[in-house]
Amino acid sequence: MFTSPTAQQDCTFFDLAQQRNVIFYHMGYFSHHIISAMAEVVKLQLEISGVSGPTRRKLFSSFVELSQNIIHYSSDALSATVAEASALRQGAVCISTDGERHLMLCANPIATADIERLREKLEPLRTMSLEEIKQAYKVTLRAETPEDSKGAGLGFLTMARDASAPLEFGFHPRPDDPETTLFCLKATI
């Protein structure tokens, strides 16, 4: 029995996470060191949860891509000088199960000015066949890194290739900060 309403509310989140079959969840700052530590936890959680080897590899790959996306593109840095040195950026990643499917969810703030650039990368992936995605992956792998990219530009293609359904995404403006928008991405594996 709980003696305070706050403790009961804290357990409500835990209960909700169990009801939603959450395997892993992190909301806060991301860095390469934090991702490395979380990666070990994710590997172990997926193994303990009985996820098959091929699905574990896809989930792990998508986890890394989503986390890297937060580090590279989140507009919410711990501080300008600290962020440049250690890439501490804010966001959230969640892995859950929905029957036989696994859901990868990611959210992070982005500059509102970047919405169209992201939409142009993601929208075509929603209608491409698996073969078209694999072909685009090969072409991108051989191409030079795009000027506005902090990686090789393969992240969304990797997730789309591994997903069992089209990637879902949304942009949610922040009423308190019109220069910032919350970017949400969902991959079903």
N, C-alpha and C. Protein backbone atom coordinates (compact mmCIF):
# COMPACT_ATOMS: atom_id res chain seq x y z
N MET A 1 0.85 -1.19 0.00
CA MET A 1 0.00 0.00 0.00
C MET A 1 0.89 1.25 0.00
N PHE A 2 0.54 2.20 -0.85
CA PHE A 2 1.32 3.42 -0.96
C PHE A 2 0.84 4.44 0.07
N THR A 3 1.80 5.14 0.61
CA THR A 3 1.47 6.15 1.61
C THR A 3 1.40 7.55 1.03
N SER A 4 1.90 7.71 -0.18
CA SER A 4 1.83 9.05 -0.78
C SER A 4 1.32 8.93 -2.21
N PRO A 5 0.56 9.94 -2.67
CA PRO A 5 0.07 9.92 -4.05
C PRO A 5 1.21 9.96 -5.06
N THR A 6 2.32 10.60 -4.73
CA THR A 6 3.44 10.70 -5.66
C THR A 6 4.03 9.32 -5.93
N ALA A 7 4.21 8.52 -4.90
CA ALA A 7 4.76 7.18 -5.08
C ALA A 7 3.83 6.33 -5.94
N GLN A 8 2.54 6.49 -5.74
CA GLN A 8 1.58 5.74 -6.54
C GLN A 8 1.66 6.17 -8.00
N GLN A 9 1.81 7.47 -8.28
CA GLN A 9 1.94 7.95 -9.65
C GLN A 9 3.22 7.42 -10.28
N ASP A 10 4.31 7.35 -9.52
CA ASP A 10 5.56 6.82 -10.04
C ASP A 10 5.39 5.38 -10.48
N CYS A 11 4.65 4.61 -9.73
CA CYS A 11 4.43 3.21 -10.10
C CYS A 11 3.48 3.09 -11.28
N THR A 12 2.65 4.08 -11.52
CA THR A 12 1.76 4.07 -12.67
C THR A 12 2.56 4.00 -13.96
N PHE A 13 3.66 4.75 -14.04
CA PHE A 13 4.52 4.70 -15.22
C PHE A 13 5.09 3.30 -15.40
N PHE A 14 5.55 2.67 -14.32
CA PHE A 14 6.09 1.32 -14.37
C PHE A 14 5.02 0.34 -14.86
N ASP A 15 3.81 0.45 -14.32
CA ASP A 15 2.70 -0.41 -14.74
C ASP A 15 2.37 -0.21 -16.22
N LEU A 16 2.34 1.04 -16.67
CA LEU A 16 2.06 1.34 -18.05
C LEU A 16 3.13 0.74 -18.97
N ALA A 17 4.39 0.85 -18.57
CA ALA A 17 5.49 0.27 -19.36
C ALA A 17 5.32 -1.24 -19.48
N GLN A 18 4.93 -1.90 -18.40
CA GLN A 18 4.71 -3.35 -18.46
C GLN A 18 3.53 -3.70 -19.35
N GLN A 19 2.44 -2.94 -19.25
CA GLN A 19 1.26 -3.18 -20.08
C GLN A 19 1.57 -3.01 -21.57
N ARG A 20 2.46 -2.08 -21.89
CA ARG A 20 2.82 -1.81 -23.28
C ARG A 20 3.98 -2.68 -23.75
N ASN A 21 4.41 -3.62 -22.91
CA ASN A 21 5.50 -4.55 -23.23
C ASN A 21 6.78 -3.81 -23.63
N VAL A 22 7.15 -2.83 -22.83
CA VAL A 22 8.36 -2.07 -23.09
C VAL A 22 9.57 -2.91 -22.71
N ILE A 23 10.46 -3.11 -23.68
CA ILE A 23 11.69 -3.86 -23.45
C ILE A 23 12.80 -2.91 -23.01
N PHE A 24 12.81 -1.72 -23.62
CA PHE A 24 13.84 -0.73 -23.30
C PHE A 24 13.28 0.66 -23.54
N TYR A 25 13.65 1.60 -22.65
CA TYR A 25 13.23 2.98 -22.80
C TYR A 25 14.29 3.89 -22.20
N HIS A 26 14.63 4.93 -22.94
CA HIS A 26 15.53 5.95 -22.40
C HIS A 26 15.08 7.31 -22.91
N MET A 27 14.93 8.23 -21.99
CA MET A 27 14.64 9.61 -22.34
C MET A 27 15.65 10.46 -21.60
N GLY A 28 16.36 11.26 -22.35
CA GLY A 28 17.36 12.11 -21.74
C GLY A 28 18.44 12.44 -22.74
N TYR A 29 19.64 12.60 -22.24
CA TYR A 29 20.74 12.95 -23.11
C TYR A 29 21.42 11.71 -23.69
N PHE A 30 21.87 11.85 -24.92
CA PHE A 30 22.56 10.79 -25.64
C PHE A 30 23.96 11.28 -26.00
N SER A 31 24.92 10.38 -25.89
CA SER A 31 26.28 10.62 -26.36
C SER A 31 26.78 9.29 -26.87
N HIS A 32 27.95 9.28 -27.48
CA HIS A 32 28.49 8.01 -27.97
C HIS A 32 28.74 7.05 -26.81
N HIS A 33 29.20 7.57 -25.69
CA HIS A 33 29.45 6.70 -24.52
C HIS A 33 28.14 6.16 -23.94
N ILE A 34 27.14 7.00 -23.88
CA ILE A 34 25.84 6.57 -23.35
C ILE A 34 25.22 5.53 -24.27
N ILE A 35 25.31 5.75 -25.59
CA ILE A 35 24.77 4.77 -26.54
C ILE A 35 25.49 3.43 -26.40
N SER A 36 26.79 3.47 -26.21
CA SER A 36 27.55 2.24 -26.05
C SER A 36 27.07 1.45 -24.83
N ALA A 37 26.87 2.15 -23.73
CA ALA A 37 26.37 1.48 -22.51
C ALA A 37 24.95 0.96 -22.72
N MET A 38 24.09 1.77 -23.35
CA MET A 38 22.71 1.34 -23.59
C MET A 38 22.68 0.16 -24.56
N ALA A 39 23.59 0.14 -25.52
CA ALA A 39 23.63 -0.95 -26.49
C ALA A 39 23.82 -2.30 -25.80
N GLU A 40 24.67 -2.33 -24.78
CA GLU A 40 24.86 -3.57 -24.03
C GLU A 40 23.57 -3.99 -23.34
N VAL A 41 22.86 -3.03 -22.78
CA VAL A 41 21.59 -3.32 -22.11
C VAL A 41 20.56 -3.80 -23.13
N VAL A 42 20.48 -3.13 -24.26
CA VAL A 42 19.52 -3.52 -25.30
C VAL A 42 19.80 -4.94 -25.78
N LYS A 43 21.06 -5.26 -26.06
CA LYS A 43 21.41 -6.62 -26.48
C LYS A 43 20.92 -7.65 -25.46
N LEU A 44 21.21 -7.40 -24.19
CA LEU A 44 20.83 -8.32 -23.13
C LEU A 44 19.31 -8.41 -23.00
N GLN A 45 18.62 -7.28 -23.02
CA GLN A 45 17.16 -7.28 -22.90
C GLN A 45 16.51 -8.05 -24.05
N LEU A 46 17.01 -7.86 -25.26
CA LEU A 46 16.42 -8.57 -26.41
C LEU A 46 16.66 -10.07 -26.29
N GLU A 47 17.84 -10.43 -25.83
CA GLU A 47 18.15 -11.85 -25.65
C GLU A 47 17.27 -12.46 -24.57
N ILE A 48 17.17 -11.78 -23.44
CA ILE A 48 16.35 -12.27 -22.32
C ILE A 48 14.88 -12.37 -22.73
N SER A 49 14.44 -11.44 -23.57
CA SER A 49 13.04 -11.42 -24.01
C SER A 49 12.72 -12.52 -25.01
N GLY A 50 13.75 -13.27 -25.44
CA GLY A 50 13.53 -14.37 -26.36
C GLY A 50 13.35 -13.97 -27.81
N VAL A 51 13.85 -12.80 -28.16
CA VAL A 51 13.73 -12.33 -29.54
C VAL A 51 14.70 -13.14 -30.41
N SER A 52 14.23 -13.57 -31.58
CA SER A 52 15.06 -14.39 -32.48
C SER A 52 16.29 -13.61 -32.95
N GLY A 53 17.34 -14.34 -33.33
CA GLY A 53 18.59 -13.73 -33.77
C GLY A 53 18.44 -12.70 -34.88
N PRO A 54 17.77 -13.05 -36.00
CA PRO A 54 17.62 -12.08 -37.08
C PRO A 54 16.86 -10.81 -36.64
N THR A 55 15.82 -10.98 -35.84
CA THR A 55 15.05 -9.83 -35.36
C THR A 55 15.88 -9.01 -34.39
N ARG A 56 16.66 -9.68 -33.54
CA ARG A 56 17.55 -8.95 -32.61
C ARG A 56 18.52 -8.07 -33.38
N ARG A 57 19.11 -8.60 -34.46
CA ARG A 57 20.06 -7.82 -35.26
C ARG A 57 19.37 -6.59 -35.87
N LYS A 58 18.17 -6.77 -36.39
CA LYS A 58 17.44 -5.65 -36.98
C LYS A 58 17.08 -4.60 -35.92
N LEU A 59 16.62 -5.06 -34.77
CA LEU A 59 16.27 -4.13 -33.69
C LEU A 59 17.51 -3.39 -33.19
N PHE A 60 18.59 -4.11 -33.03
CA PHE A 60 19.81 -3.49 -32.54
C PHE A 60 20.32 -2.46 -33.55
N SER A 61 20.32 -2.82 -34.82
CA SER A 61 20.75 -1.90 -35.87
C SER A 61 19.90 -0.63 -35.88
N SER A 62 18.58 -0.81 -35.77
CA SER A 62 17.68 0.35 -35.74
C SER A 62 17.89 1.18 -34.49
N PHE A 63 18.13 0.52 -33.36
CA PHE A 63 18.42 1.25 -32.12
C PHE A 63 19.64 2.15 -32.31
N VAL A 64 20.70 1.61 -32.89
CA VAL A 64 21.92 2.39 -33.11
C VAL A 64 21.64 3.55 -34.06
N GLU A 65 20.91 3.29 -35.15
CA GLU A 65 20.60 4.35 -36.11
C GLU A 65 19.77 5.47 -35.47
N LEU A 66 18.75 5.09 -34.70
CA LEU A 66 17.91 6.09 -34.04
C LEU A 66 18.72 6.92 -33.04
N SER A 67 19.57 6.25 -32.28
CA SER A 67 20.39 6.94 -31.29
C SER A 67 21.39 7.88 -31.96
N GLN A 68 22.00 7.42 -33.04
CA GLN A 68 22.93 8.27 -33.79
C GLN A 68 22.20 9.49 -34.37
N ASN A 69 20.98 9.28 -34.81
CA ASN A 69 20.18 10.37 -35.34
C ASN A 69 19.97 11.45 -34.26
N ILE A 70 19.72 11.02 -33.05
CA ILE A 70 19.55 11.97 -31.95
C ILE A 70 20.84 12.75 -31.73
N ILE A 71 21.96 12.06 -31.68
CA ILE A 71 23.24 12.73 -31.46
C ILE A 71 23.55 13.73 -32.57
N HIS A 72 23.26 13.36 -33.80
CA HIS A 72 23.62 14.22 -34.92
C HIS A 72 22.64 15.36 -35.17
N TYR A 73 21.35 15.15 -34.88
CA TYR A 73 20.37 16.12 -35.35
C TYR A 73 19.46 16.72 -34.29
N SER A 74 19.50 16.25 -33.05
CA SER A 74 18.66 16.87 -32.03
C SER A 74 19.10 18.32 -31.84
N SER A 75 18.11 19.20 -31.76
CA SER A 75 18.44 20.61 -31.59
C SER A 75 18.58 20.98 -30.12
N ASP A 76 18.35 20.03 -29.23
CA ASP A 76 18.45 20.30 -27.80
C ASP A 76 19.75 19.72 -27.25
N ALA A 77 20.75 20.57 -27.14
CA ALA A 77 22.06 20.16 -26.63
C ALA A 77 22.18 20.59 -25.17
N LEU A 78 22.99 19.85 -24.42
CA LEU A 78 23.20 20.19 -23.01
C LEU A 78 23.70 21.63 -22.88
N SER A 79 24.69 21.98 -23.67
CA SER A 79 25.14 23.37 -23.80
C SER A 79 25.97 23.45 -25.07
N ALA A 80 26.06 24.61 -25.64
CA ALA A 80 26.75 24.75 -26.92
C ALA A 80 28.19 24.26 -26.86
N THR A 81 28.95 24.63 -25.85
CA THR A 81 30.35 24.22 -25.80
C THR A 81 30.49 22.75 -25.43
N VAL A 82 29.68 22.28 -24.51
CA VAL A 82 29.73 20.87 -24.12
C VAL A 82 29.27 19.98 -25.27
N ALA A 83 28.22 20.38 -25.96
CA ALA A 83 27.66 19.56 -27.04
C ALA A 83 28.68 19.36 -28.16
N GLU A 84 29.42 20.39 -28.48
CA GLU A 84 30.41 20.25 -29.55
C GLU A 84 31.50 19.27 -29.16
N ALA A 85 31.89 19.28 -27.90
CA ALA A 85 32.97 18.42 -27.45
C ALA A 85 32.52 16.97 -27.28
N SER A 86 31.32 16.75 -26.79
CA SER A 86 30.92 15.38 -26.47
C SER A 86 29.59 14.96 -27.07
N ALA A 87 28.99 15.80 -27.88
CA ALA A 87 27.74 15.47 -28.58
C ALA A 87 26.65 14.99 -27.63
N LEU A 88 26.37 15.74 -26.59
CA LEU A 88 25.28 15.43 -25.68
C LEU A 88 24.00 16.09 -26.20
N ARG A 89 23.12 15.27 -26.71
CA ARG A 89 21.87 15.76 -27.29
C ARG A 89 20.69 15.02 -26.69
N GLN A 90 19.55 15.72 -26.58
CA GLN A 90 18.39 15.14 -25.93
C GLN A 90 17.45 14.46 -26.91
N GLY A 91 16.84 13.37 -26.43
CA GLY A 91 15.86 12.63 -27.21
C GLY A 91 15.35 11.45 -26.40
N ALA A 92 14.59 10.60 -27.06
CA ALA A 92 14.04 9.41 -26.41
C ALA A 92 13.97 8.26 -27.41
N VAL A 93 14.23 7.06 -26.91
CA VAL A 93 14.13 5.84 -27.71
C VAL A 93 13.37 4.81 -26.88
N CYS A 94 12.47 4.08 -27.55
CA CYS A 94 11.69 3.05 -26.88
C CYS A 94 11.61 1.83 -27.79
N ILE A 95 11.79 0.65 -27.19
CA ILE A 95 11.59 -0.62 -27.89
C ILE A 95 10.51 -1.37 -27.13
N SER A 96 9.47 -1.77 -27.86
CA SER A 96 8.40 -2.53 -27.22
C SER A 96 7.92 -3.63 -28.16
N THR A 97 7.11 -4.53 -27.63
CA THR A 97 6.55 -5.60 -28.46
C THR A 97 5.05 -5.40 -28.55
N ASP A 98 4.52 -5.81 -29.68
CA ASP A 98 3.09 -5.75 -29.94
C ASP A 98 2.73 -7.07 -30.61
N GLY A 99 2.57 -8.10 -29.80
CA GLY A 99 2.35 -9.43 -30.35
C GLY A 99 3.64 -9.95 -30.96
N GLU A 100 3.64 -10.24 -32.24
CA GLU A 100 4.83 -10.73 -32.93
C GLU A 100 5.72 -9.60 -33.43
N ARG A 101 5.19 -8.39 -33.45
CA ARG A 101 5.96 -7.26 -33.98
C ARG A 101 6.71 -6.54 -32.86
N HIS A 102 7.77 -5.89 -33.25
CA HIS A 102 8.52 -5.06 -32.32
C HIS A 102 8.45 -3.63 -32.83
N LEU A 103 8.25 -2.70 -31.93
CA LEU A 103 8.13 -1.30 -32.30
C LEU A 103 9.35 -0.53 -31.78
N MET A 104 9.94 0.23 -32.67
CA MET A 104 11.05 1.12 -32.32
C MET A 104 10.51 2.53 -32.44
N LEU A 105 10.56 3.27 -31.35
CA LEU A 105 10.06 4.64 -31.35
C LEU A 105 11.19 5.57 -30.96
N CYS A 106 11.22 6.71 -31.60
CA CYS A 106 12.25 7.70 -31.35
C CYS A 106 11.62 9.08 -31.41
N ALA A 107 12.05 9.97 -30.53
CA ALA A 107 11.59 11.35 -30.57
C ALA A 107 12.74 12.26 -30.17
N ASN A 108 12.87 13.35 -30.90
CA ASN A 108 13.86 14.35 -30.52
C ASN A 108 13.49 15.69 -31.14
N PRO A 109 13.87 16.76 -30.46
CA PRO A 109 13.60 18.08 -31.02
C PRO A 109 14.53 18.36 -32.20
N ILE A 110 13.98 19.03 -33.21
CA ILE A 110 14.77 19.45 -34.37
C ILE A 110 14.45 20.93 -34.64
N ALA A 111 15.29 21.55 -35.42
CA ALA A 111 15.00 22.91 -35.87
C ALA A 111 13.82 22.85 -36.83
N THR A 112 12.84 23.69 -36.63
CA THR A 112 11.65 23.71 -37.48
C THR A 112 12.04 23.87 -38.95
N ALA A 113 13.11 24.57 -39.21
CA ALA A 113 13.58 24.78 -40.59
C ALA A 113 14.00 23.47 -41.27
N ASP A 114 14.26 22.41 -40.50
CA ASP A 114 14.71 21.13 -41.06
C ASP A 114 13.57 20.16 -41.43
N ILE A 115 12.34 20.55 -41.17
CA ILE A 115 11.21 19.65 -41.41
C ILE A 115 11.15 19.18 -42.87
N GLU A 116 11.19 20.08 -43.80
CA GLU A 116 11.05 19.70 -45.21
C GLU A 116 12.19 18.81 -45.68
N ARG A 117 13.40 19.10 -45.23
CA ARG A 117 14.55 18.26 -45.61
C ARG A 117 14.34 16.83 -45.12
N LEU A 118 13.86 16.67 -43.88
CA LEU A 118 13.59 15.33 -43.34
C LEU A 118 12.42 14.66 -44.08
N ARG A 119 11.38 15.43 -44.32
CA ARG A 119 10.21 14.88 -45.02
C ARG A 119 10.61 14.37 -46.41
N GLU A 120 11.48 15.10 -47.10
CA GLU A 120 11.94 14.69 -48.43
C GLU A 120 12.73 13.39 -48.39
N LYS A 121 13.41 13.12 -47.28
CA LYS A 121 14.15 11.87 -47.15
C LYS A 121 13.24 10.71 -46.77
N LEU A 122 12.24 10.99 -45.93
CA LEU A 122 11.40 9.91 -45.39
C LEU A 122 10.20 9.54 -46.25
N GLU A 123 9.57 10.52 -46.83
CA GLU A 123 8.33 10.25 -47.58
C GLU A 123 8.52 9.22 -48.70
N PRO A 124 9.58 9.31 -49.52
CA PRO A 124 9.75 8.30 -50.58
C PRO A 124 9.90 6.88 -50.03
N LEU A 125 10.48 6.75 -48.85
CA LEU A 125 10.68 5.41 -48.27
C LEU A 125 9.36 4.72 -47.95
N ARG A 126 8.32 5.49 -47.75
CA ARG A 126 7.02 4.92 -47.40
C ARG A 126 6.38 4.16 -48.56
N THR A 127 6.77 4.50 -49.80
CA THR A 127 6.14 3.86 -50.96
C THR A 127 7.09 2.94 -51.72
N MET A 128 8.35 2.89 -51.31
CA MET A 128 9.33 2.06 -52.00
C MET A 128 9.18 0.59 -51.59
N SER A 129 9.42 -0.29 -52.54
CA SER A 129 9.44 -1.72 -52.25
C SER A 129 10.75 -2.05 -51.54
N LEU A 130 10.83 -3.24 -50.98
CA LEU A 130 12.06 -3.66 -50.31
C LEU A 130 13.23 -3.68 -51.29
N GLU A 131 12.98 -4.13 -52.50
CA GLU A 131 14.04 -4.14 -53.51
C GLU A 131 14.51 -2.73 -53.86
N GLU A 132 13.58 -1.80 -53.96
CA GLU A 132 13.94 -0.41 -54.23
C GLU A 132 14.75 0.19 -53.08
N ILE A 133 14.39 -0.16 -51.86
CA ILE A 133 15.13 0.32 -50.69
C ILE A 133 16.54 -0.24 -50.70
N LYS A 134 16.67 -1.55 -51.00
CA LYS A 134 18.00 -2.17 -51.05
C LYS A 134 18.85 -1.52 -52.15
N GLN A 135 18.25 -1.23 -53.28
CA GLN A 135 18.97 -0.58 -54.37
C GLN A 135 19.41 0.83 -53.97
N ALA A 136 18.52 1.57 -53.35
CA ALA A 136 18.86 2.92 -52.89
C ALA A 136 19.97 2.87 -51.84
N TYR A 137 19.96 1.83 -51.01
CA TYR A 137 21.00 1.64 -50.00
C TYR A 137 22.36 1.47 -50.69
N LYS A 138 22.40 0.60 -51.71
CA LYS A 138 23.66 0.35 -52.44
C LYS A 138 24.16 1.62 -53.11
N VAL A 139 23.26 2.37 -53.73
CA VAL A 139 23.65 3.61 -54.41
C VAL A 139 24.18 4.62 -53.39
N THR A 140 23.51 4.75 -52.27
CA THR A 140 23.93 5.69 -51.23
C THR A 140 25.26 5.27 -50.63
N LEU A 141 25.46 3.98 -50.48
CA LEU A 141 26.72 3.46 -49.92
C LEU A 141 27.91 3.84 -50.79
N ARG A 142 27.71 3.83 -52.09
CA ARG A 142 28.78 4.17 -53.03
C ARG A 142 28.95 5.67 -53.24
N ALA A 143 27.91 6.44 -52.94
CA ALA A 143 27.94 7.89 -53.18
C ALA A 143 28.74 8.60 -52.09
N GLU A 144 29.10 9.83 -52.37
CA GLU A 144 29.78 10.64 -51.37
C GLU A 144 28.77 11.06 -50.32
N THR A 145 29.26 11.32 -49.11
CA THR A 145 28.40 11.74 -48.01
C THR A 145 27.75 13.07 -48.36
N PRO A 146 26.42 13.16 -48.21
CA PRO A 146 25.74 14.43 -48.49
C PRO A 146 26.30 15.55 -47.61
N GLU A 147 26.30 16.76 -48.17
CA GLU A 147 26.88 17.90 -47.48
C GLU A 147 26.22 18.18 -46.13
N ASP A 148 24.89 18.02 -46.06
CA ASP A 148 24.16 18.33 -44.82
C ASP A 148 24.07 17.14 -43.87
N SER A 149 24.75 16.04 -44.19
CA SER A 149 24.68 14.83 -43.38
C SER A 149 25.91 14.71 -42.48
N LYS A 150 25.67 14.22 -41.27
CA LYS A 150 26.78 13.99 -40.34
C LYS A 150 27.17 12.51 -40.33
N GLY A 151 26.51 11.73 -41.17
CA GLY A 151 26.83 10.32 -41.34
C GLY A 151 26.92 10.03 -42.83
N ALA A 152 26.72 8.80 -43.20
CA ALA A 152 26.79 8.44 -44.62
C ALA A 152 25.44 8.58 -45.31
N GLY A 153 24.40 8.94 -44.55
CA GLY A 153 23.07 9.07 -45.14
C GLY A 153 22.34 7.75 -45.26
N LEU A 154 22.78 6.74 -44.52
CA LEU A 154 22.20 5.40 -44.63
C LEU A 154 21.20 5.06 -43.54
N GLY A 155 21.09 5.88 -42.52
CA GLY A 155 20.27 5.55 -41.36
C GLY A 155 18.83 5.22 -41.66
N PHE A 156 18.12 6.12 -42.33
CA PHE A 156 16.71 5.86 -42.64
C PHE A 156 16.55 4.69 -43.59
N LEU A 157 17.48 4.55 -44.55
CA LEU A 157 17.44 3.41 -45.47
C LEU A 157 17.63 2.10 -44.72
N THR A 158 18.55 2.09 -43.75
CA THR A 158 18.79 0.89 -42.95
C THR A 158 17.52 0.50 -42.19
N MET A 159 16.89 1.48 -41.55
CA MET A 159 15.66 1.19 -40.80
C MET A 159 14.54 0.74 -41.72
N ALA A 160 14.40 1.40 -42.86
CA ALA A 160 13.34 1.03 -43.81
C ALA A 160 13.57 -0.38 -44.35
N ARG A 161 14.84 -0.72 -44.58
CA ARG A 161 15.18 -2.06 -45.09
C ARG A 161 14.83 -3.14 -44.06
N ASP A 162 15.07 -2.85 -42.80
CA ASP A 162 14.84 -3.84 -41.74
C ASP A 162 13.40 -3.88 -41.25
N ALA A 163 12.62 -2.85 -41.56
CA ALA A 163 11.25 -2.76 -41.06
C ALA A 163 10.31 -3.69 -41.83
N SER A 164 9.25 -4.12 -41.15
CA SER A 164 8.26 -4.98 -41.79
C SER A 164 7.05 -4.17 -42.28
N ALA A 165 7.09 -2.87 -42.05
CA ALA A 165 6.03 -1.96 -42.50
C ALA A 165 6.70 -0.62 -42.80
N PRO A 166 6.04 0.23 -43.58
CA PRO A 166 6.65 1.53 -43.86
C PRO A 166 6.94 2.32 -42.57
N LEU A 167 8.02 3.08 -42.59
CA LEU A 167 8.35 3.94 -41.46
C LEU A 167 7.23 4.96 -41.28
N GLU A 168 6.92 5.24 -40.04
CA GLU A 168 5.92 6.27 -39.74
C GLU A 168 6.66 7.43 -39.07
N PHE A 169 6.24 8.65 -39.38
CA PHE A 169 6.90 9.80 -38.78
C PHE A 169 5.91 10.94 -38.63
N GLY A 170 6.27 11.85 -37.76
CA GLY A 170 5.43 13.02 -37.54
C GLY A 170 6.26 14.18 -37.02
N PHE A 171 5.74 15.37 -37.22
CA PHE A 171 6.38 16.59 -36.75
C PHE A 171 5.36 17.32 -35.88
N HIS A 172 5.75 17.61 -34.66
CA HIS A 172 4.84 18.23 -33.71
C HIS A 172 5.43 19.56 -33.23
N PRO A 173 4.86 20.67 -33.73
CA PRO A 173 5.38 21.99 -33.34
C PRO A 173 5.29 22.21 -31.83
N ARG A 174 6.24 22.95 -31.32
CA ARG A 174 6.23 23.32 -29.91
C ARG A 174 5.63 24.71 -29.78
N PRO A 175 4.49 24.82 -29.14
CA PRO A 175 3.83 26.12 -29.03
C PRO A 175 4.70 27.16 -28.30
N ASP A 176 5.52 26.70 -27.37
CA ASP A 176 6.35 27.61 -26.59
C ASP A 176 7.64 28.02 -27.32
N ASP A 177 7.96 27.31 -28.43
CA ASP A 177 9.20 27.59 -29.17
C ASP A 177 8.97 27.29 -30.65
N PRO A 178 8.53 28.29 -31.43
CA PRO A 178 8.23 28.04 -32.85
C PRO A 178 9.44 27.64 -33.69
N GLU A 179 10.65 27.86 -33.20
CA GLU A 179 11.85 27.48 -33.93
C GLU A 179 12.19 25.99 -33.76
N THR A 180 11.48 25.32 -32.84
CA THR A 180 11.76 23.92 -32.53
C THR A 180 10.51 23.07 -32.75
N THR A 181 10.72 21.88 -33.32
CA THR A 181 9.63 20.93 -33.58
C THR A 181 10.07 19.56 -33.06
N LEU A 182 9.14 18.83 -32.49
CA LEU A 182 9.43 17.47 -32.03
C LEU A 182 9.26 16.52 -33.21
N PHE A 183 10.32 15.81 -33.55
CA PHE A 183 10.33 14.83 -34.64
C PHE A 183 10.15 13.45 -34.03
N CYS A 184 9.16 12.71 -34.49
CA CYS A 184 8.88 11.36 -33.99
C CYS A 184 8.97 10.37 -35.16
N LEU A 185 9.60 9.25 -34.89
CA LEU A 185 9.79 8.22 -35.92
C LEU A 185 9.46 6.86 -35.31
N LYS A 186 8.74 6.03 -36.08
CA LYS A 186 8.36 4.70 -35.62
C LYS A 186 8.70 3.69 -36.70
N ALA A 187 9.43 2.65 -36.31
CA ALA A 187 9.75 1.54 -37.20
C ALA A 187 9.17 0.27 -36.60
N THR A 188 8.45 -0.49 -37.41
CA THR A 188 7.89 -1.77 -36.99
C THR A 188 8.77 -2.88 -37.55
N ILE A 189 9.27 -3.73 -36.67
CA ILE A 189 10.19 -4.79 -37.09
C ILE A 189 9.61 -6.14 -36.68
